[in-house]
Amino acid sequence: MSALQTLAAENTVSGNVNAVAYGLAAIGPGIGVGIIFGNGTQALARQPEAAGLIRTNQIMGFAFCEALALIGIVMGFVFQ
């Protein structure tokens, strides 16, 4: 019996697959948050008088990116 068959027989593969899938799903929101705050910092440096509007847009973009990460973790439980 191979190692893969042993893992499948013990029914531990599904838990490991969910963890790997969430890890891959978290890459996108992580990159998105980095882009949002990086570009927001550049925008604040170029136009400090628009700080309120820029910060508001940053927070909205951050919330949407984090919602995608939360959806990714919930999908692991839904498809289990």
N, C-alpha and C. Protein backbone atom coordinates (compact mmCIF):
# COMPACT_ATOMS: atom_id res chain seq x y z
N MET A 1 0.84 -1.18 0.00
CA MET A 1 0.00 0.00 0.00
C MET A 1 0.89 1.25 0.00
N SER A 2 0.62 2.18 -0.90
CA SER A 2 1.44 3.38 -0.98
C SER A 2 1.05 4.37 0.11
N ALA A 3 1.88 5.39 0.26
CA ALA A 3 1.62 6.40 1.28
C ALA A 3 0.33 7.16 0.98
N LEU A 4 0.05 7.41 -0.30
CA LEU A 4 -1.18 8.13 -0.67
C LEU A 4 -2.41 7.31 -0.33
N GLN A 5 -2.34 6.01 -0.57
CA GLN A 5 -3.48 5.15 -0.23
C GLN A 5 -3.68 5.06 1.28
N THR A 6 -2.59 5.08 2.02
CA THR A 6 -2.69 5.05 3.48
C THR A 6 -3.35 6.32 3.99
N LEU A 7 -2.96 7.48 3.46
CA LEU A 7 -3.58 8.74 3.87
C LEU A 7 -5.05 8.78 3.50
N ALA A 8 -5.37 8.29 2.32
CA ALA A 8 -6.77 8.28 1.88
C ALA A 8 -7.60 7.34 2.74
N ALA A 9 -7.01 6.23 3.17
CA ALA A 9 -7.73 5.28 4.01
C ALA A 9 -8.00 5.86 5.39
N GLU A 10 -7.12 6.71 5.88
CA GLU A 10 -7.31 7.31 7.19
C GLU A 10 -8.20 8.55 7.14
N ASN A 11 -8.60 8.97 5.95
CA ASN A 11 -9.48 10.12 5.74
C ASN A 11 -8.88 11.42 6.27
N THR A 12 -7.57 11.57 6.17
CA THR A 12 -6.93 12.82 6.56
C THR A 12 -6.61 13.69 5.36
N VAL A 13 -6.81 13.18 4.17
CA VAL A 13 -6.47 13.94 2.97
C VAL A 13 -7.38 15.15 2.82
N SER A 14 -8.67 15.01 3.15
CA SER A 14 -9.59 16.12 2.94
C SER A 14 -9.23 17.33 3.81
N GLY A 15 -8.81 17.11 5.04
CA GLY A 15 -8.41 18.22 5.90
C GLY A 15 -7.17 18.91 5.37
N ASN A 16 -6.22 18.13 4.89
CA ASN A 16 -5.00 18.72 4.36
C ASN A 16 -5.27 19.48 3.07
N VAL A 17 -6.17 18.96 2.25
CA VAL A 17 -6.50 19.65 1.01
C VAL A 17 -7.17 20.98 1.30
N ASN A 18 -8.04 21.02 2.30
CA ASN A 18 -8.69 22.28 2.67
C ASN A 18 -7.67 23.31 3.15
N ALA A 19 -6.69 22.88 3.92
CA ALA A 19 -5.68 23.81 4.41
C ALA A 19 -4.84 24.36 3.26
N VAL A 20 -4.47 23.50 2.33
CA VAL A 20 -3.68 23.95 1.19
C VAL A 20 -4.52 24.88 0.31
N ALA A 21 -5.79 24.54 0.12
CA ALA A 21 -6.65 25.38 -0.71
C ALA A 21 -6.83 26.76 -0.10
N TYR A 22 -6.99 26.85 1.22
CA TYR A 22 -7.12 28.17 1.84
C TYR A 22 -5.82 28.94 1.75
N GLY A 23 -4.70 28.25 1.89
CA GLY A 23 -3.42 28.93 1.75
C GLY A 23 -3.25 29.54 0.37
N LEU A 24 -3.68 28.81 -0.65
CA LEU A 24 -3.63 29.36 -2.01
C LEU A 24 -4.65 30.48 -2.20
N ALA A 25 -5.81 30.35 -1.56
CA ALA A 25 -6.84 31.38 -1.70
C ALA A 25 -6.45 32.67 -0.98
N ALA A 26 -5.58 32.59 0.00
CA ALA A 26 -5.17 33.78 0.75
C ALA A 26 -4.08 34.57 0.03
N ILE A 27 -3.50 34.01 -1.00
CA ILE A 27 -2.44 34.72 -1.72
C ILE A 27 -3.00 35.96 -2.43
N GLY A 28 -4.14 35.80 -3.09
CA GLY A 28 -4.74 36.91 -3.83
C GLY A 28 -5.09 38.11 -2.97
N PRO A 29 -5.84 37.91 -1.88
CA PRO A 29 -6.13 39.06 -1.02
C PRO A 29 -4.88 39.66 -0.39
N GLY A 30 -3.87 38.85 -0.11
CA GLY A 30 -2.63 39.38 0.45
C GLY A 30 -1.94 40.31 -0.53
N ILE A 31 -1.89 39.90 -1.78
CA ILE A 31 -1.30 40.75 -2.81
C ILE A 31 -2.13 42.02 -3.00
N GLY A 32 -3.46 41.85 -2.99
CA GLY A 32 -4.35 43.00 -3.17
C GLY A 32 -4.20 44.03 -2.07
N VAL A 33 -4.09 43.59 -0.83
CA VAL A 33 -3.91 44.52 0.29
C VAL A 33 -2.58 45.26 0.15
N GLY A 34 -1.54 44.55 -0.25
CA GLY A 34 -0.24 45.20 -0.45
C GLY A 34 -0.29 46.26 -1.53
N ILE A 35 -0.98 45.96 -2.61
CA ILE A 35 -1.10 46.94 -3.70
C ILE A 35 -1.91 48.15 -3.25
N ILE A 36 -3.01 47.89 -2.53
CA ILE A 36 -3.87 48.99 -2.08
C ILE A 36 -3.10 49.96 -1.19
N PHE A 37 -2.42 49.45 -0.17
CA PHE A 37 -1.74 50.35 0.76
C PHE A 37 -0.46 50.93 0.16
N GLY A 38 0.19 50.20 -0.73
CA GLY A 38 1.36 50.76 -1.39
C GLY A 38 1.01 51.94 -2.28
N ASN A 39 -0.03 51.76 -3.08
CA ASN A 39 -0.47 52.86 -3.96
C ASN A 39 -1.11 53.99 -3.16
N GLY A 40 -1.77 53.65 -2.06
CA GLY A 40 -2.34 54.70 -1.21
C GLY A 40 -1.26 55.56 -0.59
N THR A 41 -0.16 54.94 -0.18
CA THR A 41 0.96 55.70 0.39
C THR A 41 1.57 56.62 -0.67
N GLN A 42 1.71 56.13 -1.88
CA GLN A 42 2.23 56.98 -2.96
C GLN A 42 1.28 58.14 -3.24
N ALA A 43 -0.01 57.86 -3.23
CA ALA A 43 -0.99 58.92 -3.50
C ALA A 43 -0.96 59.98 -2.40
N LEU A 44 -0.81 59.54 -1.14
CA LEU A 44 -0.73 60.51 -0.04
C LEU A 44 0.54 61.35 -0.14
N ALA A 45 1.63 60.76 -0.61
CA ALA A 45 2.87 61.52 -0.75
C ALA A 45 2.77 62.54 -1.87
N ARG A 46 2.02 62.22 -2.92
CA ARG A 46 1.90 63.13 -4.06
C ARG A 46 0.86 64.22 -3.84
N GLN A 47 -0.20 63.89 -3.09
CA GLN A 47 -1.29 64.84 -2.92
C GLN A 47 -1.82 64.77 -1.48
N PRO A 48 -1.11 65.35 -0.54
CA PRO A 48 -1.50 65.23 0.87
C PRO A 48 -2.83 65.90 1.21
N GLU A 49 -3.27 66.85 0.40
CA GLU A 49 -4.55 67.52 0.71
C GLU A 49 -5.75 66.62 0.46
N ALA A 50 -5.57 65.51 -0.25
CA ALA A 50 -6.67 64.58 -0.51
C ALA A 50 -6.59 63.37 0.42
N ALA A 51 -6.01 63.56 1.60
CA ALA A 51 -5.77 62.44 2.52
C ALA A 51 -7.07 61.76 2.94
N GLY A 52 -8.11 62.51 3.21
CA GLY A 52 -9.37 61.92 3.66
C GLY A 52 -9.98 61.00 2.62
N LEU A 53 -10.04 61.45 1.39
CA LEU A 53 -10.62 60.66 0.31
C LEU A 53 -9.76 59.42 0.02
N ILE A 54 -8.45 59.59 0.01
CA ILE A 54 -7.56 58.46 -0.26
C ILE A 54 -7.68 57.42 0.83
N ARG A 55 -7.71 57.86 2.08
CA ARG A 55 -7.80 56.92 3.20
C ARG A 55 -9.13 56.17 3.17
N THR A 56 -10.20 56.86 2.83
CA THR A 56 -11.51 56.21 2.72
C THR A 56 -11.49 55.13 1.65
N ASN A 57 -10.92 55.44 0.50
CA ASN A 57 -10.82 54.45 -0.58
C ASN A 57 -9.92 53.27 -0.18
N GLN A 58 -8.87 53.55 0.57
CA GLN A 58 -8.01 52.47 1.04
C GLN A 58 -8.78 51.52 1.96
N ILE A 59 -9.54 52.06 2.87
CA ILE A 59 -10.28 51.22 3.81
C ILE A 59 -11.34 50.39 3.09
N MET A 60 -12.00 50.99 2.11
CA MET A 60 -13.00 50.23 1.34
C MET A 60 -12.34 49.09 0.56
N GLY A 61 -11.23 49.36 -0.09
CA GLY A 61 -10.52 48.33 -0.84
C GLY A 61 -10.00 47.23 0.07
N PHE A 62 -9.50 47.61 1.24
CA PHE A 62 -9.03 46.63 2.22
C PHE A 62 -10.17 45.73 2.67
N ALA A 63 -11.34 46.31 2.93
CA ALA A 63 -12.48 45.52 3.38
C ALA A 63 -12.91 44.52 2.31
N PHE A 64 -12.92 44.94 1.07
CA PHE A 64 -13.31 44.02 -0.02
C PHE A 64 -12.30 42.89 -0.18
N CYS A 65 -11.02 43.20 -0.07
CA CYS A 65 -9.99 42.15 -0.18
C CYS A 65 -10.09 41.16 0.97
N GLU A 66 -10.31 41.65 2.17
CA GLU A 66 -10.41 40.76 3.32
C GLU A 66 -11.68 39.93 3.26
N ALA A 67 -12.74 40.46 2.65
CA ALA A 67 -13.96 39.67 2.48
C ALA A 67 -13.68 38.47 1.58
N LEU A 68 -12.85 38.64 0.57
CA LEU A 68 -12.48 37.51 -0.28
C LEU A 68 -11.72 36.45 0.51
N ALA A 69 -10.86 36.87 1.43
CA ALA A 69 -10.12 35.91 2.25
C ALA A 69 -11.07 35.16 3.17
N LEU A 70 -12.05 35.85 3.73
CA LEU A 70 -13.01 35.18 4.61
C LEU A 70 -13.90 34.21 3.83
N ILE A 71 -14.26 34.59 2.62
CA ILE A 71 -15.03 33.67 1.79
C ILE A 71 -14.20 32.41 1.50
N GLY A 72 -12.91 32.58 1.28
CA GLY A 72 -12.04 31.44 1.03
C GLY A 72 -11.98 30.48 2.21
N ILE A 73 -11.94 30.99 3.43
CA ILE A 73 -11.88 30.10 4.58
C ILE A 73 -13.22 29.42 4.82
N VAL A 74 -14.31 30.09 4.52
CA VAL A 74 -15.64 29.49 4.69
C VAL A 74 -15.87 28.39 3.66
N MET A 75 -15.35 28.56 2.46
CA MET A 75 -15.55 27.55 1.42
C MET A 75 -14.91 26.20 1.80
N GLY A 76 -13.84 26.25 2.57
CA GLY A 76 -13.24 25.00 3.05
C GLY A 76 -14.19 24.21 3.92
N PHE A 77 -14.99 24.90 4.71
CA PHE A 77 -15.96 24.23 5.57
C PHE A 77 -17.20 23.82 4.79
N VAL A 78 -17.58 24.62 3.81
CA VAL A 78 -18.78 24.32 3.03
C VAL A 78 -18.59 23.05 2.20
N PHE A 79 -17.45 22.91 1.56
CA PHE A 79 -17.21 21.78 0.67
C PHE A 79 -16.60 20.57 1.36
N GLN A 80 -16.55 20.58 2.67
CA GLN A 80 -15.94 19.47 3.41
C GLN A 80 -16.81 18.25 3.42
